[in-house]
Amino acid sequence: MPIYTQRRRFGQYLPFGHMRIPLFYGILIAMYARIKLKTDHLSRHPWIFRKMIERPKSRLSPGTAVEVVSRRGEFVGRGFYHPSRTVAIRLLTSNPREEIDEAFFRTRLRAAKALREDILHIPARSDAYRLVHGEGDGLSGLVIDKFGDVLVIEPYSAGYIPFADTIASILKELYPTCTVCFRPDAKTEQQEGVSFQSLRKRYPTPSKAVLRENSLTMEVSLLVGHKTGYFLDQRDNRALVRELASDKEVWDLFCYTGGFAISSALGGARSVVAVDLDEKALEVARRNAERNRVAIDFVHEDCFDFLRRMEGVNRQADLVIVDPAKLALVREEIPRALRTYNDINRLAMGRVRTGGILVSCSCSGLVSEGQFLSVLANAAREASVELQMFRITGASPDHPIRTDFPEGRYLKVVFSRILRSS
């Protein structure tokens, strides 16, 4: 938590060791550790990498609130610092008049709520949506998802620990009927080198929640599984699949809790097969199918093995969805991820009937759209099919993207028709 001091005169700074204190007329403000860049900072990207900064004069703890200045001492921004991670600083503001305090978080959270409710009108269609999408909402390293009457907070920076009660209090003001819980990722704890256990105890996560999405009713497991419990970013793509599924034989590969499969069944699919290797996810998917009163054939199997088995019996489908989990967590994993995307889509293309539809997804932010499209083109050549792409989409609009943070456009979804030469 920043230390507070008193502003005396507008625009002046009082040096204090390696820190400097902004001074204004008799107003309490935060004191930040001062971090100096090695160069003059021109980019507005919210990440500042370790190689770009000078070493602090004293050791700073993970999550320390810092003020960043250029090589010439010009103000760059304020954010959270980490002493050992590649991304050394997550910038939250580039406005010298804006402090990282309760007013800051109230402004950001109100703006996030206004986008989802006043502009996008998501509550009219769903009571589940992403309320805060990290950098896209000016809160680098923070994700907040709404599942029905539960708000799940997932911090990716130790800097949010001192502000946990503040954030929770504001959320309760904005959503008085909702339960607020913290679900930090175990890997984040390891990377940050801090414990979020106190947040888990103060704001425990319910085991499950029930949400409404268009005409779907879905159970979400909040304590286990990917992301914060459900792939909210695929909402609009599930709606599109539902429109395409009528009278088709559908395979949903990497089905997780059954979102695409159930959407297909509700869209009038002739039959639906849903495949996943995660047995616990399939248990939830089965309950969701029962909840929505649809018949789905759930298969507990590796999706590669399933496709090869279908190839062995010469079975095909009219609509196949391929939506694997993130395959590239770091840049070194990109080549392997591209090979995996190529292999799974090549196998899937061979199992789609001529004139049928393939929906290919990649949620690996490190894999660009261009790379993913090249992979699909190569897979089509290897499968001896022609890929007629008719729609390329991304995440639902409650996952906004900043122009200075292209990494926010992580999800790529390609809808294609499979054609073959006679």
Protein backbone atom coordinates (compact mmCIF):
# COMPACT_ATOMS: atom_id res chain seq x y z
CA MET A 1 0.00 0.00 0.00
CA PRO A 2 1.41 3.46 -0.81
CA ILE A 3 2.37 5.67 2.12
CA TYR A 4 0.35 8.89 2.30
CA THR A 5 1.81 12.36 2.74
CA GLN A 6 0.50 15.90 2.32
CA ARG A 7 0.45 17.95 -0.85
CA ARG A 8 1.55 21.53 -0.32
CA ARG A 9 1.89 23.29 -3.60
CA PHE A 10 0.53 22.32 -7.00
CA GLY A 11 2.98 20.57 -9.30
CA GLN A 12 6.00 20.38 -6.99
CA TYR A 13 7.86 17.26 -5.89
CA LEU A 14 9.67 16.65 -2.62
CA PRO A 15 12.67 14.25 -2.98
CA PHE A 16 12.70 11.49 -0.35
CA GLY A 17 15.54 8.99 -0.79
CA HIS A 18 14.82 6.90 -3.87
CA MET A 19 11.22 8.10 -3.75
CA ARG A 20 9.66 11.41 -4.63
CA ILE A 21 6.46 12.83 -3.21
CA PRO A 22 4.06 14.88 -5.36
CA LEU A 23 2.99 18.02 -3.47
CA PHE A 24 -0.38 19.76 -3.88
CA TYR A 25 -2.53 22.04 -1.74
CA GLY A 26 -3.11 20.26 1.58
CA ILE A 27 -4.43 17.03 0.04
CA LEU A 28 -3.29 13.61 1.17
CA ILE A 29 -1.75 11.62 -1.67
CA ALA A 30 0.27 8.46 -2.14
CA MET A 31 4.05 8.20 -1.96
CA TYR A 32 5.58 6.03 -4.67
CA ALA A 33 8.93 4.39 -5.15
CA ARG A 34 10.63 6.05 -8.12
CA ILE A 35 11.70 3.94 -11.10
CA LYS A 36 13.77 5.46 -13.88
CA LEU A 37 13.80 4.21 -17.46
CA LYS A 38 17.01 3.72 -19.39
CA THR A 39 15.52 5.58 -22.34
CA ASP A 40 12.90 8.23 -23.06
CA HIS A 41 9.58 6.42 -22.96
CA LEU A 42 7.41 7.10 -26.01
CA SER A 43 5.16 4.04 -26.04
CA ARG A 44 1.92 3.99 -24.05
CA HIS A 45 2.07 0.22 -23.69
CA PRO A 46 1.02 -0.76 -20.13
CA TRP A 47 3.89 -3.21 -19.71
CA ILE A 48 7.42 -2.05 -18.96
CA PHE A 49 10.00 -4.81 -19.22
CA ARG A 50 12.93 -5.32 -16.86
CA LYS A 51 15.53 -4.56 -19.51
CA MET A 52 13.99 -1.09 -19.95
CA ILE A 53 14.50 0.16 -16.37
CA GLU A 54 17.39 1.14 -14.15
CA ARG A 55 17.87 -0.93 -11.04
CA PRO A 56 16.12 0.64 -8.00
CA LYS A 57 18.44 2.05 -5.35
CA SER A 58 16.84 -0.14 -2.69
CA ARG A 59 15.05 -3.47 -2.81
CA LEU A 60 11.33 -3.20 -3.53
CA SER A 61 8.78 -5.88 -2.68
CA PRO A 62 6.52 -7.49 -5.31
CA GLY A 63 3.54 -5.24 -5.95
CA THR A 64 5.14 -2.01 -4.75
CA ALA A 65 3.34 1.05 -6.11
CA VAL A 66 5.83 2.98 -8.23
CA GLU A 67 6.11 6.15 -10.24
CA VAL A 68 7.98 5.77 -13.52
CA VAL A 69 10.00 8.58 -15.06
CA SER A 70 11.97 8.77 -18.29
CA ARG A 71 15.74 9.01 -18.54
CA ARG A 72 15.34 12.79 -18.44
CA GLY A 73 13.10 12.64 -15.37
CA GLU A 74 9.79 13.24 -17.17
CA PHE A 75 6.67 11.61 -15.75
CA VAL A 76 5.67 8.37 -17.54
CA GLY A 77 3.09 6.76 -15.29
CA ARG A 78 2.23 4.90 -12.10
CA GLY A 79 1.71 1.22 -11.53
CA PHE A 80 2.85 -1.94 -9.75
CA TYR A 81 6.44 -3.17 -9.70
CA HIS A 82 7.89 -6.67 -9.48
CA PRO A 83 11.61 -7.20 -8.79
CA SER A 84 12.12 -10.42 -10.74
CA ARG A 85 9.44 -10.89 -13.42
CA THR A 86 10.10 -10.11 -17.07
CA VAL A 87 7.28 -7.56 -17.00
CA ALA A 88 8.75 -5.40 -14.25
CA ILE A 89 6.01 -2.77 -14.15
CA ARG A 90 2.31 -2.88 -14.91
CA LEU A 91 1.26 0.70 -15.61
CA LEU A 92 -2.21 1.68 -14.41
CA THR A 93 -2.20 5.36 -15.31
CA SER A 94 -0.20 7.82 -17.40
CA ASN A 95 -2.03 10.79 -15.89
CA PRO A 96 0.19 12.65 -13.37
CA ARG A 97 -2.92 13.93 -11.58
CA GLU A 98 -4.32 10.43 -11.05
CA GLU A 99 -3.33 8.55 -7.91
CA ILE A 100 -3.67 4.79 -7.35
CA ASP A 101 -6.24 5.01 -4.58
CA GLU A 102 -9.90 4.34 -3.83
CA ALA A 103 -11.07 7.07 -6.20
CA PHE A 104 -8.96 5.56 -8.97
CA PHE A 105 -10.52 2.10 -8.58
CA ARG A 106 -14.03 3.50 -8.23
CA THR A 107 -13.63 5.42 -11.49
CA ARG A 108 -12.24 2.41 -13.36
CA LEU A 109 -14.88 -0.03 -12.06
CA ARG A 110 -17.77 2.33 -12.77
CA ALA A 111 -16.48 2.85 -16.31
CA ALA A 112 -16.18 -0.92 -16.80
CA LYS A 113 -19.74 -1.45 -15.59
CA ALA A 114 -21.04 1.32 -17.86
CA LEU A 115 -19.48 -0.30 -20.95
CA ARG A 116 -21.12 -3.67 -20.27
CA GLU A 117 -24.49 -2.36 -19.17
CA ASP A 118 -25.12 1.07 -20.71
CA ILE A 119 -23.38 0.58 -24.06
CA LEU A 120 -23.34 -3.17 -24.75
CA HIS A 121 -26.56 -3.94 -22.83
CA ILE A 122 -25.25 -7.40 -21.98
CA PRO A 123 -27.57 -7.95 -18.97
CA ALA A 124 -30.52 -8.06 -21.38
CA ARG A 125 -29.04 -11.24 -22.87
CA SER A 126 -26.90 -12.67 -20.11
CA ASP A 127 -26.20 -12.28 -16.39
CA ALA A 128 -22.63 -13.50 -16.96
CA TYR A 129 -19.92 -11.33 -18.47
CA ARG A 130 -16.38 -10.08 -17.99
CA LEU A 131 -16.61 -6.94 -15.90
CA VAL A 132 -12.89 -6.11 -15.96
CA HIS A 133 -10.61 -7.27 -18.76
CA GLY A 134 -7.22 -6.25 -17.43
CA GLU A 135 -5.39 -3.81 -19.67
CA GLY A 136 -8.49 -3.31 -21.81
CA ASP A 137 -10.17 -1.62 -18.84
CA GLY A 138 -7.08 0.20 -17.59
CA LEU A 139 -6.42 -2.30 -14.79
CA SER A 140 -3.39 -4.26 -15.90
CA GLY A 141 -3.19 -7.63 -14.17
CA LEU A 142 -6.80 -7.74 -12.94
CA VAL A 143 -9.70 -9.83 -14.22
CA ILE A 144 -13.22 -9.73 -12.78
CA ASP A 145 -15.93 -12.04 -14.10
CA LYS A 146 -19.62 -11.96 -13.23
CA PHE A 147 -21.40 -15.32 -13.08
CA GLY A 148 -25.03 -14.74 -12.16
CA ASP A 149 -24.91 -13.40 -8.61
CA VAL A 150 -21.19 -14.14 -8.06
CA LEU A 151 -18.30 -11.79 -8.87
CA VAL A 152 -14.97 -13.62 -9.23
CA ILE A 153 -11.81 -11.52 -8.91
CA GLU A 154 -8.57 -12.93 -10.30
CA PRO A 155 -5.48 -10.77 -9.63
CA TYR A 156 -2.27 -11.35 -11.59
CA SER A 157 -0.19 -8.86 -9.61
CA ALA A 158 0.73 -8.67 -5.93
CA GLY A 159 -0.01 -4.96 -6.18
CA TYR A 160 -3.72 -5.64 -5.84
CA ILE A 161 -3.41 -7.32 -2.43
CA PRO A 162 -3.41 -4.06 -0.41
CA PHE A 163 -6.38 -2.82 -2.45
CA ALA A 164 -8.44 -6.02 -2.16
CA ASP A 165 -10.84 -4.66 0.47
CA THR A 166 -11.22 -1.41 -1.47
CA ILE A 167 -12.06 -3.24 -4.71
CA ALA A 168 -14.45 -5.62 -2.94
CA SER A 169 -16.22 -2.72 -1.21
CA ILE A 170 -16.72 -0.83 -4.48
CA LEU A 171 -18.03 -3.96 -6.20
CA LYS A 172 -20.55 -4.48 -3.41
CA GLU A 173 -21.73 -0.90 -3.93
CA LEU A 174 -22.13 -1.50 -7.66
CA TYR A 175 -23.65 -4.98 -7.30
CA PRO A 176 -25.30 -5.11 -3.84
CA THR A 177 -26.92 -8.52 -4.41
CA CYS A 178 -23.73 -10.24 -5.58
CA THR A 179 -21.22 -12.31 -3.64
CA VAL A 180 -17.65 -11.04 -4.12
CA CYS A 181 -14.84 -13.60 -4.04
CA PHE A 182 -11.14 -13.78 -4.88
CA ARG A 183 -9.83 -16.69 -6.92
CA PRO A 184 -6.09 -16.09 -7.43
CA ASP A 185 -4.36 -18.52 -9.74
CA ALA A 186 -1.82 -20.81 -8.05
CA LYS A 187 0.66 -20.19 -10.87
CA THR A 188 0.36 -16.45 -10.33
CA GLU A 189 1.22 -16.91 -6.66
CA GLN A 190 4.34 -18.78 -7.68
CA GLN A 191 5.34 -16.20 -10.27
CA GLU A 192 4.66 -13.24 -7.98
CA GLY A 193 6.35 -14.89 -5.01
CA VAL A 194 3.56 -13.92 -2.63
CA SER A 195 0.62 -15.65 -0.94
CA PHE A 196 -2.96 -14.70 -1.76
CA GLN A 197 -4.27 -17.03 0.95
CA SER A 198 -5.56 -14.19 3.12
CA LEU A 199 -7.77 -13.04 0.23
CA ARG A 200 -9.13 -16.55 -0.26
CA LYS A 201 -10.07 -16.70 3.41
CA ARG A 202 -11.66 -13.24 3.57
CA TYR A 203 -13.48 -13.64 0.26
CA PRO A 204 -14.10 -17.39 -0.20
CA THR A 205 -15.21 -18.68 -3.59
CA PRO A 206 -18.44 -20.69 -3.83
CA SER A 207 -18.05 -24.13 -5.37
CA LYS A 208 -20.38 -23.26 -8.23
CA ALA A 209 -22.66 -20.66 -9.76
CA VAL A 210 -25.56 -20.78 -12.21
CA LEU A 211 -25.69 -18.32 -15.09
CA ARG A 212 -28.02 -17.36 -17.89
CA GLU A 213 -26.64 -16.83 -21.41
CA ASN A 214 -29.21 -16.10 -24.08
CA SER A 215 -31.52 -19.11 -23.66
CA LEU A 216 -28.86 -21.30 -22.02
CA THR A 217 -28.72 -22.00 -18.31
CA MET A 218 -25.26 -23.16 -17.29
CA GLU A 219 -23.67 -24.42 -14.10
CA VAL A 220 -20.14 -23.15 -13.58
CA SER A 221 -17.53 -24.77 -11.34
CA LEU A 222 -15.69 -21.87 -9.72
CA LEU A 223 -13.08 -23.72 -7.65
CA VAL A 224 -11.61 -25.86 -10.42
CA GLY A 225 -11.06 -25.55 -14.13
CA HIS A 226 -9.80 -23.05 -16.69
CA LYS A 227 -9.97 -19.29 -16.33
CA THR A 228 -12.44 -18.14 -13.67
CA GLY A 229 -14.90 -20.95 -14.39
CA TYR A 230 -16.39 -20.45 -17.87
CA PHE A 231 -15.32 -19.17 -21.29
CA LEU A 232 -17.22 -15.89 -21.34
CA ASP A 233 -15.16 -14.73 -24.33
CA GLN A 234 -16.94 -17.25 -26.59
CA ARG A 235 -20.48 -16.01 -25.87
CA ASP A 236 -21.13 -14.48 -29.30
CA ASN A 237 -19.40 -17.38 -31.07
CA ARG A 238 -21.65 -19.86 -29.26
CA ALA A 239 -24.65 -17.88 -30.51
CA LEU A 240 -23.32 -18.06 -34.07
CA VAL A 241 -22.70 -21.81 -33.81
CA ARG A 242 -26.27 -22.22 -32.62
CA GLU A 243 -27.49 -20.50 -35.81
CA LEU A 244 -25.33 -22.78 -37.97
CA ALA A 245 -26.15 -26.07 -36.23
CA SER A 246 -29.69 -26.69 -37.45
CA ASP A 247 -30.17 -30.25 -38.77
CA LYS A 248 -26.43 -30.94 -38.61
CA GLU A 249 -24.31 -33.63 -37.00
CA VAL A 250 -22.05 -31.65 -34.64
CA TRP A 251 -18.80 -32.55 -32.88
CA ASP A 252 -17.60 -30.26 -30.09
CA LEU A 253 -13.93 -31.01 -29.44
CA PHE A 254 -12.35 -29.81 -26.18
CA CYS A 255 -15.92 -29.21 -25.05
CA TYR A 256 -15.08 -28.32 -21.41
CA THR A 257 -18.46 -27.69 -19.70
CA GLY A 258 -20.46 -28.01 -22.92
CA GLY A 259 -21.11 -24.46 -24.10
CA PHE A 260 -20.81 -25.07 -27.86
CA ALA A 261 -22.40 -28.52 -27.63
CA ILE A 262 -25.48 -27.32 -25.76
CA SER A 263 -25.81 -24.27 -28.03
CA SER A 264 -25.75 -26.62 -31.03
CA ALA A 265 -28.42 -28.86 -29.54
CA LEU A 266 -30.65 -25.89 -28.75
CA GLY A 267 -30.10 -24.72 -32.33
CA GLY A 268 -31.71 -27.87 -33.68
CA ALA A 269 -28.68 -30.05 -34.40
CA ARG A 270 -29.56 -33.55 -35.57
CA SER A 271 -26.99 -35.01 -33.16
CA VAL A 272 -24.19 -33.67 -30.94
CA VAL A 273 -21.01 -35.38 -29.75
CA ALA A 274 -18.92 -33.56 -27.11
CA VAL A 275 -15.36 -34.71 -26.44
CA ASP A 276 -12.96 -33.80 -23.63
CA LEU A 277 -10.23 -35.47 -21.59
CA ASP A 278 -11.18 -33.56 -18.42
CA GLU A 279 -13.53 -35.92 -16.60
CA LYS A 280 -14.62 -33.32 -14.03
CA ALA A 281 -15.49 -30.86 -16.78
CA LEU A 282 -17.56 -33.56 -18.50
CA GLU A 283 -19.48 -34.15 -15.27
CA VAL A 284 -20.47 -30.49 -15.25
CA ALA A 285 -21.24 -30.64 -18.98
CA ARG A 286 -23.60 -33.57 -18.43
CA ARG A 287 -25.45 -31.67 -15.70
CA ASN A 288 -25.67 -28.65 -18.00
CA ALA A 289 -27.16 -30.80 -20.76
CA GLU A 290 -29.77 -32.10 -18.31
CA ARG A 291 -30.44 -28.57 -17.08
CA ASN A 292 -31.12 -27.45 -20.66
CA ARG A 293 -33.02 -30.65 -21.53
CA VAL A 294 -30.90 -31.58 -24.52
CA ALA A 295 -29.46 -34.93 -25.61
CA ILE A 296 -25.68 -34.97 -26.10
CA ASP A 297 -23.27 -37.89 -26.47
CA PHE A 298 -20.36 -37.08 -24.14
CA VAL A 299 -17.06 -38.83 -24.85
CA HIS A 300 -14.19 -38.95 -22.34
CA GLU A 301 -11.23 -39.18 -24.72
CA ASP A 302 -8.22 -37.30 -26.03
CA CYS A 303 -9.46 -35.27 -29.02
CA PHE A 304 -6.55 -36.39 -31.23
CA ASP A 305 -7.36 -40.01 -30.46
CA PHE A 306 -11.06 -39.40 -31.10
CA LEU A 307 -10.40 -37.93 -34.55
CA ARG A 308 -8.05 -40.76 -35.48
CA ARG A 309 -10.63 -43.28 -34.30
CA MET A 310 -13.31 -41.58 -36.41
CA GLU A 311 -10.90 -41.67 -39.37
CA GLY A 312 -10.48 -45.40 -38.82
CA VAL A 313 -14.23 -46.00 -39.14
CA ASN A 314 -14.61 -43.37 -41.91
CA ARG A 315 -17.08 -41.29 -39.91
CA GLN A 316 -17.59 -37.57 -40.55
CA ALA A 317 -19.69 -34.68 -39.22
CA ASP A 318 -21.32 -31.58 -40.69
CA LEU A 319 -20.01 -29.11 -38.11
CA VAL A 320 -16.85 -29.55 -36.04
CA ILE A 321 -15.67 -27.12 -33.34
CA VAL A 322 -11.99 -27.23 -32.32
CA ASP A 323 -11.40 -25.11 -29.21
CA PRO A 324 -8.29 -26.27 -27.29
CA ALA A 325 -6.94 -24.62 -24.16
CA LYS A 326 -4.10 -22.10 -24.41
CA LEU A 327 -1.11 -23.82 -26.03
CA ALA A 328 1.58 -21.12 -25.71
CA LEU A 329 2.18 -19.59 -22.29
CA VAL A 330 5.63 -18.20 -23.15
CA ARG A 331 7.27 -17.28 -26.46
CA GLU A 332 9.47 -20.37 -26.41
CA GLU A 333 6.31 -22.49 -26.70
CA ILE A 334 5.03 -20.82 -29.88
CA PRO A 335 6.63 -23.29 -32.37
CA ARG A 336 5.17 -26.27 -30.51
CA ALA A 337 1.78 -24.56 -30.29
CA LEU A 338 1.74 -23.91 -34.05
CA ARG A 339 2.51 -27.57 -34.74
CA THR A 340 -0.29 -28.66 -32.40
CA TYR A 341 -2.79 -26.28 -34.01
CA ASN A 342 -1.74 -27.61 -37.41
CA ASP A 343 -2.12 -31.26 -36.43
CA ILE A 344 -5.50 -31.00 -34.69
CA ASN A 345 -7.03 -28.87 -37.45
CA ARG A 346 -5.64 -31.14 -40.19
CA LEU A 347 -7.29 -34.13 -38.52
CA ALA A 348 -10.52 -32.19 -38.01
CA MET A 349 -10.64 -31.04 -41.65
CA GLY A 350 -10.51 -34.64 -42.77
CA ARG A 351 -13.53 -35.44 -40.61
CA VAL A 352 -15.77 -32.64 -41.92
CA ARG A 353 -18.08 -33.60 -44.78
CA THR A 354 -17.69 -31.71 -48.03
CA GLY A 355 -19.65 -28.48 -47.66
CA GLY A 356 -19.56 -28.78 -43.89
CA ILE A 357 -18.26 -26.25 -41.39
CA LEU A 358 -15.11 -26.15 -39.27
CA VAL A 359 -14.82 -23.71 -36.36
CA SER A 360 -11.14 -23.34 -35.42
CA CYS A 361 -10.19 -21.49 -32.23
CA SER A 362 -6.94 -20.25 -30.70
CA CYS A 363 -6.87 -18.51 -27.32
CA SER A 364 -3.07 -18.26 -27.27
CA GLY A 365 -2.36 -14.53 -27.20
CA LEU A 366 1.25 -15.09 -28.25
CA VAL A 367 0.04 -16.65 -31.51
CA SER A 368 -0.97 -13.86 -33.88
CA GLU A 369 -3.99 -13.98 -36.15
CA GLY A 370 -1.67 -14.09 -39.15
CA GLN A 371 0.21 -17.06 -37.75
CA PHE A 372 -3.03 -18.88 -36.98
CA LEU A 373 -4.43 -18.30 -40.46
CA SER A 374 -1.17 -19.55 -41.98
CA VAL A 375 -1.40 -22.68 -39.85
CA LEU A 376 -4.96 -23.32 -41.06
CA ALA A 377 -3.91 -22.81 -44.68
CA ASN A 378 -1.07 -25.31 -44.26
CA ALA A 379 -3.33 -27.80 -42.49
CA ALA A 380 -5.79 -27.54 -45.39
CA ARG A 381 -3.03 -28.36 -47.89
CA GLU A 382 -1.96 -31.37 -45.84
CA ALA A 383 -5.59 -32.53 -45.56
CA SER A 384 -6.13 -32.02 -49.32
CA VAL A 385 -9.11 -29.74 -48.78
CA GLU A 386 -9.95 -26.18 -49.69
CA LEU A 387 -10.72 -23.93 -46.74
CA GLN A 388 -13.34 -21.28 -47.52
CA MET A 389 -13.19 -18.89 -44.58
CA PHE A 390 -16.41 -16.93 -44.20
CA ARG A 391 -16.05 -15.34 -40.78
CA ILE A 392 -13.15 -14.46 -38.49
CA THR A 393 -14.08 -13.32 -35.00
CA GLY A 394 -12.55 -12.84 -31.58
CA ALA A 395 -13.69 -12.44 -28.01
CA SER A 396 -17.08 -11.04 -27.06
CA PRO A 397 -17.14 -7.23 -26.67
CA ASP A 398 -16.97 -7.41 -22.88
CA HIS A 399 -13.28 -8.16 -23.56
CA PRO A 400 -12.26 -4.70 -24.88
CA ILE A 401 -8.89 -4.10 -26.52
CA ARG A 402 -6.66 -1.06 -26.12
CA THR A 403 -4.93 0.12 -29.27
CA ASP A 404 -1.65 0.32 -27.35
CA PHE A 405 -2.03 -3.25 -26.07
CA PRO A 406 -2.54 -5.54 -29.10
CA GLU A 407 -1.88 -8.56 -26.87
CA GLY A 408 -5.44 -8.05 -25.61
CA ARG A 409 -6.72 -9.49 -28.89
CA TYR A 410 -5.82 -13.03 -27.88
CA LEU A 411 -8.80 -15.05 -29.15
CA LYS A 412 -9.02 -15.98 -32.81
CA VAL A 413 -12.04 -17.91 -34.11
CA VAL A 414 -12.23 -18.88 -37.78
CA PHE A 415 -15.45 -20.17 -39.37
CA SER A 416 -14.74 -22.07 -42.60
CA ARG A 417 -16.51 -24.25 -45.14
CA ILE A 418 -14.67 -27.40 -46.20
CA LEU A 419 -14.54 -27.96 -49.96
CA ARG A 420 -12.99 -30.80 -51.94
CA SER A 421 -12.21 -31.24 -55.61
CA SER A 422 -14.50 -33.79 -57.22
